[in-house]
PDB file of all heavy atoms in Angstrom:
ATOM      1  N   ILE A   1     -68.042  82.931 -59.185  1.00  0.00           N
ATOM      2  CA  ILE A   1     -67.638  82.951 -57.781  1.00  0.00           C
ATOM      3  C   ILE A   1     -67.510  84.390 -57.306  1.00  0.00           C
ATOM      4  O   ILE A   1     -67.391  85.314 -58.109  1.00  0.00           O
ATOM      5  CB  ILE A   1     -66.290  82.224 -57.523  1.00  0.00           C
ATOM      6  CG1 ILE A   1     -65.131  82.935 -58.226  1.00  0.00           C
ATOM      7  CG2 ILE A   1     -66.364  80.769 -57.908  1.00  0.00           C
ATOM      8  CD1 ILE A   1     -63.757  82.433 -57.803  1.00  0.00           C
ATOM      9  N   GLN A   2     -67.555  84.549 -56.025  1.00  0.00           N
ATOM     10  CA  GLN A   2     -67.241  85.795 -55.352  1.00  0.00           C
ATOM     11  C   GLN A   2     -66.557  85.365 -54.057  1.00  0.00           C
ATOM     12  O   GLN A   2     -66.970  84.373 -53.443  1.00  0.00           O
ATOM     13  CB  GLN A   2     -68.522  86.565 -55.065  1.00  0.00           C
ATOM     14  CG  GLN A   2     -68.307  87.968 -54.603  1.00  0.00           C
ATOM     15  CD  GLN A   2     -69.618  88.754 -54.618  1.00  0.00           C
ATOM     16  OE1 GLN A   2     -70.670  88.246 -55.001  1.00  0.00           O
ATOM     17  NE2 GLN A   2     -69.539  89.981 -54.198  1.00  0.00           N
ATOM     18  N   TYR A   3     -65.503  86.047 -53.635  1.00  0.00           N
ATOM     19  CA  TYR A   3     -64.799  85.561 -52.446  1.00  0.00           C
ATOM     20  C   TYR A   3     -64.219  86.682 -51.594  1.00  0.00           C
ATOM     21  O   TYR A   3     -64.015  87.799 -52.063  1.00  0.00           O
ATOM     22  CB  TYR A   3     -63.707  84.562 -52.822  1.00  0.00           C
ATOM     23  CG  TYR A   3     -62.518  85.149 -53.553  1.00  0.00           C
ATOM     24  CD1 TYR A   3     -61.363  85.510 -52.864  1.00  0.00           C
ATOM     25  CD2 TYR A   3     -62.530  85.307 -54.931  1.00  0.00           C
ATOM     26  CE1 TYR A   3     -60.272  86.035 -53.528  1.00  0.00           C
ATOM     27  CE2 TYR A   3     -61.439  85.815 -55.599  1.00  0.00           C
ATOM     28  CZ  TYR A   3     -60.316  86.178 -54.889  1.00  0.00           C
ATOM     29  OH  TYR A   3     -59.240  86.693 -55.558  1.00  0.00           O
ATOM     30  N   LYS A   4     -63.971  86.337 -50.326  1.00  0.00           N
ATOM     31  CA  LYS A   4     -63.293  87.211 -49.374  1.00  0.00           C
ATOM     32  C   LYS A   4     -62.130  86.432 -48.789  1.00  0.00           C
ATOM     33  O   LYS A   4     -62.310  85.324 -48.294  1.00  0.00           O
ATOM     34  CB  LYS A   4     -64.244  87.644 -48.257  1.00  0.00           C
ATOM     35  CG  LYS A   4     -65.339  88.552 -48.743  1.00  0.00           C
ATOM     36  CD  LYS A   4     -66.236  88.972 -47.600  1.00  0.00           C
ATOM     37  CE  LYS A   4     -67.340  89.875 -48.147  1.00  0.00           C
ATOM     38  NZ  LYS A   4     -68.248  90.295 -47.091  1.00  0.00           N
ATOM     39  N   LEU A   5     -60.940  87.017 -48.868  1.00  0.00           N
ATOM     40  CA  LEU A   5     -59.724  86.392 -48.375  1.00  0.00           C
ATOM     41  C   LEU A   5     -59.314  87.045 -47.058  1.00  0.00           C
ATOM     42  O   LEU A   5     -59.277  88.272 -46.962  1.00  0.00           O
ATOM     43  CB  LEU A   5     -58.603  86.560 -49.416  1.00  0.00           C
ATOM     44  CG  LEU A   5     -57.235  85.977 -49.085  1.00  0.00           C
ATOM     45  CD1 LEU A   5     -57.304  84.450 -48.967  1.00  0.00           C
ATOM     46  CD2 LEU A   5     -56.224  86.377 -50.157  1.00  0.00           C
ATOM     47  N   TYR A   6     -59.040  86.221 -46.052  1.00  0.00           N
ATOM     48  CA  TYR A   6     -58.658  86.700 -44.724  1.00  0.00           C
ATOM     49  C   TYR A   6     -57.294  86.156 -44.336  1.00  0.00           C
ATOM     50  O   TYR A   6     -56.929  85.054 -44.708  1.00  0.00           O
ATOM     51  CB  TYR A   6     -59.666  86.223 -43.664  1.00  0.00           C
ATOM     52  CG  TYR A   6     -61.052  86.751 -43.862  1.00  0.00           C
ATOM     53  CD1 TYR A   6     -61.976  86.072 -44.655  1.00  0.00           C
ATOM     54  CD2 TYR A   6     -61.468  87.935 -43.249  1.00  0.00           C
ATOM     55  CE1 TYR A   6     -63.258  86.552 -44.836  1.00  0.00           C
ATOM     56  CE2 TYR A   6     -62.750  88.418 -43.423  1.00  0.00           C
ATOM     57  CZ  TYR A   6     -63.642  87.729 -44.220  1.00  0.00           C
ATOM     58  OH  TYR A   6     -64.915  88.208 -44.395  1.00  0.00           O
ATOM     59  N   ARG A   7     -56.570  86.957 -43.535  1.00  0.00           N
ATOM     60  CA  ARG A   7     -55.320  86.504 -42.930  1.00  0.00           C
ATOM     61  C   ARG A   7     -55.349  86.939 -41.467  1.00  0.00           C
ATOM     62  O   ARG A   7     -55.471  88.127 -41.167  1.00  0.00           O
ATOM     63  CB  ARG A   7     -54.107  87.110 -43.635  1.00  0.00           C
ATOM     64  CG  ARG A   7     -52.784  86.617 -43.073  1.00  0.00           C
ATOM     65  CD  ARG A   7     -51.548  87.110 -43.840  1.00  0.00           C
ATOM     66  NE  ARG A   7     -51.587  88.529 -44.148  1.00  0.00           N
ATOM     67  CZ  ARG A   7     -51.565  89.032 -45.392  1.00  0.00           C
ATOM     68  NH1 ARG A   7     -51.482  88.235 -46.431  1.00  0.00           N
ATOM     69  NH2 ARG A   7     -51.604  90.327 -45.586  1.00  0.00           N
ATOM     70  N   GLY A   8     -55.285  85.961 -40.577  1.00  0.00           N
ATOM     71  CA  GLY A   8     -55.323  86.265 -39.152  1.00  0.00           C
ATOM     72  C   GLY A   8     -56.605  86.957 -38.726  1.00  0.00           C
ATOM     73  O   GLY A   8     -56.595  87.784 -37.821  1.00  0.00           O
ATOM     74  N   GLY A   9     -57.700  86.651 -39.406  1.00  0.00           N
ATOM     75  CA  GLY A   9     -58.992  87.243 -39.090  1.00  0.00           C
ATOM     76  C   GLY A   9     -59.255  88.592 -39.747  1.00  0.00           C
ATOM     77  O   GLY A   9     -60.365  89.110 -39.695  1.00  0.00           O
ATOM     78  N   ALA A  10     -58.238  89.189 -40.365  1.00  0.00           N
ATOM     79  CA  ALA A  10     -58.393  90.490 -41.029  1.00  0.00           C
ATOM     80  C   ALA A  10     -58.663  90.287 -42.522  1.00  0.00           C
ATOM     81  O   ALA A  10     -58.016  89.456 -43.170  1.00  0.00           O
ATOM     82  CB  ALA A  10     -57.145  91.336 -40.854  1.00  0.00           C
ATOM     83  N   LEU A  11     -59.600  91.060 -43.069  1.00  0.00           N
ATOM     84  CA  LEU A  11     -59.919  90.983 -44.492  1.00  0.00           C
ATOM     85  C   LEU A  11     -58.743  91.512 -45.310  1.00  0.00           C
ATOM     86  O   LEU A  11     -58.278  92.627 -45.094  1.00  0.00           O
ATOM     87  CB  LEU A  11     -61.180  91.793 -44.792  1.00  0.00           C
ATOM     88  CG  LEU A  11     -61.668  91.800 -46.227  1.00  0.00           C
ATOM     89  CD1 LEU A  11     -62.083  90.396 -46.667  1.00  0.00           C
ATOM     90  CD2 LEU A  11     -62.839  92.761 -46.377  1.00  0.00           C
ATOM     91  N   VAL A  12     -58.248  90.695 -46.239  1.00  0.00           N
ATOM     92  CA  VAL A  12     -57.134  91.062 -47.115  1.00  0.00           C
ATOM     93  C   VAL A  12     -57.654  91.508 -48.480  1.00  0.00           C
ATOM     94  O   VAL A  12     -57.149  92.450 -49.070  1.00  0.00           O
ATOM     95  CB  VAL A  12     -56.161  89.870 -47.291  1.00  0.00           C
ATOM     96  CG1 VAL A  12     -55.046  90.201 -48.256  1.00  0.00           C
ATOM     97  CG2 VAL A  12     -55.596  89.443 -45.956  1.00  0.00           C
ATOM     98  N   TYR A  13     -58.674  90.815 -48.987  1.00  0.00           N
ATOM     99  CA  TYR A  13     -59.199  91.112 -50.317  1.00  0.00           C
ATOM    100  C   TYR A  13     -60.638  90.642 -50.422  1.00  0.00           C
ATOM    101  O   TYR A  13     -61.000  89.590 -49.893  1.00  0.00           O
ATOM    102  CB  TYR A  13     -58.357  90.402 -51.396  1.00  0.00           C
ATOM    103  CG  TYR A  13     -58.853  90.646 -52.788  1.00  0.00           C
ATOM    104  CD1 TYR A  13     -58.622  91.856 -53.429  1.00  0.00           C
ATOM    105  CD2 TYR A  13     -59.582  89.681 -53.465  1.00  0.00           C
ATOM    106  CE1 TYR A  13     -59.101  92.089 -54.704  1.00  0.00           C
ATOM    107  CE2 TYR A  13     -60.058  89.903 -54.742  1.00  0.00           C
ATOM    108  CZ  TYR A  13     -59.818  91.112 -55.360  1.00  0.00           C
ATOM    109  OH  TYR A  13     -60.290  91.346 -56.604  1.00  0.00           O
ATOM    110  N   SER A  14     -61.439  91.420 -51.113  1.00  0.00           N
ATOM    111  CA  SER A  14     -62.827  91.059 -51.386  1.00  0.00           C
ATOM    112  C   SER A  14     -63.072  91.226 -52.880  1.00  0.00           C
ATOM    113  O   SER A  14     -62.891  92.320 -53.422  1.00  0.00           O
ATOM    114  CB  SER A  14     -63.762  91.973 -50.584  1.00  0.00           C
ATOM    115  OG  SER A  14     -65.098  91.675 -50.860  1.00  0.00           O
ATOM    116  N   SER A  15     -63.445  90.154 -53.554  1.00  0.00           N
ATOM    117  CA  SER A  15     -63.640  90.212 -55.006  1.00  0.00           C
ATOM    118  C   SER A  15     -65.057  90.663 -55.346  1.00  0.00           C
ATOM    119  O   SER A  15     -65.961  90.570 -54.528  1.00  0.00           O
ATOM    120  CB  SER A  15     -63.398  88.840 -55.634  1.00  0.00           C
ATOM    121  OG  SER A  15     -64.535  88.008 -55.485  1.00  0.00           O
ATOM    122  N   GLY A  16     -65.197  91.065 -56.571  1.00  0.00           N
ATOM    123  CA  GLY A  16     -66.524  91.281 -57.124  1.00  0.00           C
ATOM    124  C   GLY A  16     -67.038  89.958 -57.681  1.00  0.00           C
ATOM    125  O   GLY A  16     -66.457  88.898 -57.448  1.00  0.00           O
ATOM    126  N   HIS A  17     -68.106  90.024 -58.430  1.00  0.00           N
ATOM    127  CA  HIS A  17     -68.697  88.849 -59.079  1.00  0.00           C
ATOM    128  C   HIS A  17     -67.793  88.453 -60.238  1.00  0.00           C
ATOM    129  O   HIS A  17     -67.530  89.254 -61.130  1.00  0.00           O
ATOM    130  CB  HIS A  17     -70.092  89.248 -59.579  1.00  0.00           C
ATOM    131  CG  HIS A  17     -70.910  88.110 -60.049  1.00  0.00           C
ATOM    132  ND1 HIS A  17     -70.895  87.685 -61.343  1.00  0.00           N
ATOM    133  CD2 HIS A  17     -71.774  87.315 -59.404  1.00  0.00           C
ATOM    134  CE1 HIS A  17     -71.724  86.676 -61.485  1.00  0.00           C
ATOM    135  NE2 HIS A  17     -72.267  86.427 -60.315  1.00  0.00           N
ATOM    136  N   LEU A  18     -67.280  87.217 -60.243  1.00  0.00           N
ATOM    137  CA  LEU A  18     -66.340  86.749 -61.261  1.00  0.00           C
ATOM    138  C   LEU A  18     -66.881  85.527 -61.980  1.00  0.00           C
ATOM    139  O   LEU A  18     -67.439  84.631 -61.349  1.00  0.00           O
ATOM    140  CB  LEU A  18     -65.001  86.375 -60.607  1.00  0.00           C
ATOM    141  CG  LEU A  18     -64.287  87.468 -59.820  1.00  0.00           C
ATOM    142  CD1 LEU A  18     -63.140  86.874 -59.021  1.00  0.00           C
ATOM    143  CD2 LEU A  18     -63.794  88.560 -60.750  1.00  0.00           C
ATOM    144  N   GLU A  19     -66.684  85.480 -63.285  1.00  0.00           N
ATOM    145  CA  GLU A  19     -67.071  84.305 -64.069  1.00  0.00           C
ATOM    146  C   GLU A  19     -65.989  83.243 -63.930  1.00  0.00           C
ATOM    147  O   GLU A  19     -64.811  83.495 -64.198  1.00  0.00           O
ATOM    148  CB  GLU A  19     -67.215  84.683 -65.541  1.00  0.00           C
ATOM    149  CG  GLU A  19     -67.590  83.523 -66.422  1.00  0.00           C
ATOM    150  CD  GLU A  19     -67.636  83.912 -67.896  1.00  0.00           C
ATOM    151  OE1 GLU A  19     -67.724  85.109 -68.205  1.00  0.00           O
ATOM    152  OE2 GLU A  19     -67.557  82.993 -68.723  1.00  0.00           O
ATOM    153  N   LEU A  20     -66.371  82.060 -63.493  1.00  0.00           N
ATOM    154  CA  LEU A  20     -65.411  80.968 -63.327  1.00  0.00           C
ATOM    155  C   LEU A  20     -65.051  80.427 -64.698  1.00  0.00           C
ATOM    156  O   LEU A  20     -65.904  80.004 -65.468  1.00  0.00           O
ATOM    157  CB  LEU A  20     -66.001  79.864 -62.447  1.00  0.00           C
ATOM    158  CG  LEU A  20     -65.044  78.771 -62.022  1.00  0.00           C
ATOM    159  CD1 LEU A  20     -63.889  79.337 -61.209  1.00  0.00           C
ATOM    160  CD2 LEU A  20     -65.776  77.722 -61.209  1.00  0.00           C
ATOM    161  N   ARG A  21     -63.761  80.460 -65.020  1.00  0.00           N
ATOM    162  CA  ARG A  21     -63.285  80.020 -66.332  1.00  0.00           C
ATOM    163  C   ARG A  21     -62.700  78.615 -66.310  1.00  0.00           C
ATOM    164  O   ARG A  21     -62.798  77.881 -67.277  1.00  0.00           O
ATOM    165  CB  ARG A  21     -62.236  80.994 -66.850  1.00  0.00           C
ATOM    166  CG  ARG A  21     -62.775  82.401 -67.019  1.00  0.00           C
ATOM    167  CD  ARG A  21     -61.664  83.382 -67.306  1.00  0.00           C
ATOM    168  NE  ARG A  21     -60.912  83.055 -68.482  1.00  0.00           N
ATOM    169  CZ  ARG A  21     -61.055  83.614 -69.672  1.00  0.00           C
ATOM    170  NH1 ARG A  21     -61.957  84.555 -69.829  1.00  0.00           N
ATOM    171  NH2 ARG A  21     -60.311  83.265 -70.685  1.00  0.00           N
ATOM    172  N   GLU A  22     -62.028  78.248 -65.188  1.00  0.00           N
ATOM    173  CA  GLU A  22     -61.334  76.965 -65.149  1.00  0.00           C
ATOM    174  C   GLU A  22     -61.131  76.524 -63.703  1.00  0.00           C
ATOM    175  O   GLU A  22     -60.908  77.344 -62.824  1.00  0.00           O
ATOM    176  CB  GLU A  22     -59.966  77.120 -65.828  1.00  0.00           C
ATOM    177  CG  GLU A  22     -59.112  75.891 -65.807  1.00  0.00           C
ATOM    178  CD  GLU A  22     -57.719  76.146 -66.374  1.00  0.00           C
ATOM    179  OE1 GLU A  22     -57.173  77.252 -66.230  1.00  0.00           O
ATOM    180  OE2 GLU A  22     -57.179  75.195 -66.950  1.00  0.00           O
ATOM    181  N   THR A  23     -61.205  75.235 -63.484  1.00  0.00           N
ATOM    182  CA  THR A  23     -60.856  74.609 -62.209  1.00  0.00           C
ATOM    183  C   THR A  23     -59.840  73.524 -62.528  1.00  0.00           C
ATOM    184  O   THR A  23     -60.088  72.675 -63.375  1.00  0.00           O
ATOM    185  CB  THR A  23     -62.096  73.960 -61.548  1.00  0.00           C
ATOM    186  OG1 THR A  23     -63.113  74.948 -61.412  1.00  0.00           O
ATOM    187  CG2 THR A  23     -61.773  73.411 -60.180  1.00  0.00           C
ATOM    188  N   ARG A  24     -58.668  73.598 -61.881  1.00  0.00           N
ATOM    189  CA  ARG A  24     -57.616  72.620 -62.182  1.00  0.00           C
ATOM    190  C   ARG A  24     -56.769  72.369 -60.939  1.00  0.00           C
ATOM    191  O   ARG A  24     -56.943  73.030 -59.938  1.00  0.00           O
ATOM    192  CB  ARG A  24     -56.736  73.100 -63.332  1.00  0.00           C
ATOM    193  CG  ARG A  24     -55.993  74.384 -63.023  1.00  0.00           C
ATOM    194  CD  ARG A  24     -55.112  74.828 -64.189  1.00  0.00           C
ATOM    195  NE  ARG A  24     -54.607  76.162 -64.002  1.00  0.00           N
ATOM    196  CZ  ARG A  24     -53.592  76.494 -63.212  1.00  0.00           C
ATOM    197  NH1 ARG A  24     -52.948  75.564 -62.539  1.00  0.00           N
ATOM    198  NH2 ARG A  24     -53.194  77.745 -63.094  1.00  0.00           N
ATOM    199  N   ARG A  25     -55.861  71.423 -61.049  1.00  0.00           N
ATOM    200  CA  ARG A  25     -54.891  71.110 -59.985  1.00  0.00           C
ATOM    201  C   ARG A  25     -53.525  71.652 -60.393  1.00  0.00           C
ATOM    202  O   ARG A  25     -53.143  71.551 -61.560  1.00  0.00           O
ATOM    203  CB  ARG A  25     -54.757  69.597 -59.811  1.00  0.00           C
ATOM    204  CG  ARG A  25     -55.986  68.947 -59.313  1.00  0.00           C
ATOM    205  CD  ARG A  25     -56.006  69.009 -57.847  1.00  0.00           C
ATOM    206  NE  ARG A  25     -57.186  68.313 -57.366  1.00  0.00           N
ATOM    207  CZ  ARG A  25     -57.579  68.391 -56.146  1.00  0.00           C
ATOM    208  NH1 ARG A  25     -56.902  69.103 -55.283  1.00  0.00           N
ATOM    209  NH2 ARG A  25     -58.647  67.765 -55.754  1.00  0.00           N
TER     210      ARG A  25
END
């Protein structure tokens, strides 16, 4: 995955290329 996190339309964080290790609840 790679992602960009926004709050109120402003960019808060932008990740690099990440290996997905786990998906859980």
